[in-house]
Amino acid sequence: MNTLLYRGHSYSQHTDRARKPAVQLTYRRHIYQARQANAQRAAVALKYRGVAYTH
């Protein structure tokens, strides 16, 4: 076991963690493009200390 030092305190490193299986990520173009289109259409109104800003 390794001893780790963080802000003056020593910690023991635990190496017996459970391994997670690898996950295959997929790219779904139509879902991504639909979400991007919806995000661009949404008008955002911001207000800070009584002053309104539009984006």
Protein backbone atom coordinates (compact mmCIF):
# COMPACT_ATOMS: atom_id res chain seq x y z
CA MET A 1 0.00 0.00 0.00
CA ASN A 2 1.15 3.48 -0.79
CA THR A 3 0.89 6.32 1.70
CA LEU A 4 -0.50 9.53 0.27
CA LEU A 5 0.07 12.98 1.74
CA TYR A 6 -2.58 15.71 1.39
CA ARG A 7 -2.38 18.99 3.29
CA GLY A 8 -0.14 17.52 5.93
CA HIS A 9 -2.28 14.41 6.56
CA SER A 10 -1.22 10.96 5.41
CA TYR A 11 -3.70 8.52 3.91
CA SER A 12 -3.43 4.89 2.89
CA GLN A 13 -4.21 4.16 -0.73
CA HIS A 14 -6.67 1.32 -1.22
CA THR A 15 -5.88 -0.69 -4.34
CA ASP A 16 -8.56 -3.33 -3.85
CA ARG A 17 -11.27 -1.36 -5.67
CA ALA A 18 -13.85 -3.17 -7.73
CA ARG A 19 -13.16 -3.03 -11.46
CA LYS A 20 -16.05 -1.86 -13.62
CA PRO A 21 -16.53 -3.39 -17.03
CA ALA A 22 -15.70 -1.20 -20.01
CA VAL A 23 -18.63 0.59 -21.63
CA GLN A 24 -18.87 1.07 -25.38
CA LEU A 25 -20.09 4.60 -26.10
CA THR A 26 -22.23 5.25 -29.17
CA TYR A 27 -22.81 8.44 -31.13
CA ARG A 28 -26.40 9.10 -32.12
CA ARG A 29 -26.24 11.95 -34.58
CA HIS A 30 -29.98 12.65 -34.87
CA ILE A 31 -30.43 12.94 -31.08
CA TYR A 32 -27.40 15.21 -30.76
CA GLN A 33 -28.53 17.47 -33.61
CA ALA A 34 -32.09 17.70 -32.25
CA ARG A 35 -30.82 18.74 -28.82
CA GLN A 36 -28.50 21.32 -30.37
CA ALA A 37 -31.38 22.79 -32.39
CA ASN A 38 -33.61 22.99 -29.31
CA ALA A 39 -30.86 24.64 -27.29
CA GLN A 40 -30.34 27.33 -29.93
CA ARG A 41 -34.04 28.16 -30.10
CA ALA A 42 -34.47 28.68 -26.38
CA ALA A 43 -34.26 32.36 -25.44
CA VAL A 44 -32.38 33.01 -22.25
CA ALA A 45 -33.23 35.96 -20.04
CA LEU A 46 -30.66 36.73 -17.37
CA LYS A 47 -31.09 39.16 -14.52
CA TYR A 48 -28.34 40.31 -12.18
CA ARG A 49 -28.95 42.85 -9.44
CA GLY A 50 -32.04 44.17 -11.18
CA VAL A 51 -30.40 44.57 -14.60
CA ALA A 52 -31.83 42.36 -17.35
CA TYR A 53 -29.52 40.81 -19.94
CA THR A 54 -30.56 38.86 -23.02
CA HIS A 55 -28.53 36.22 -24.75
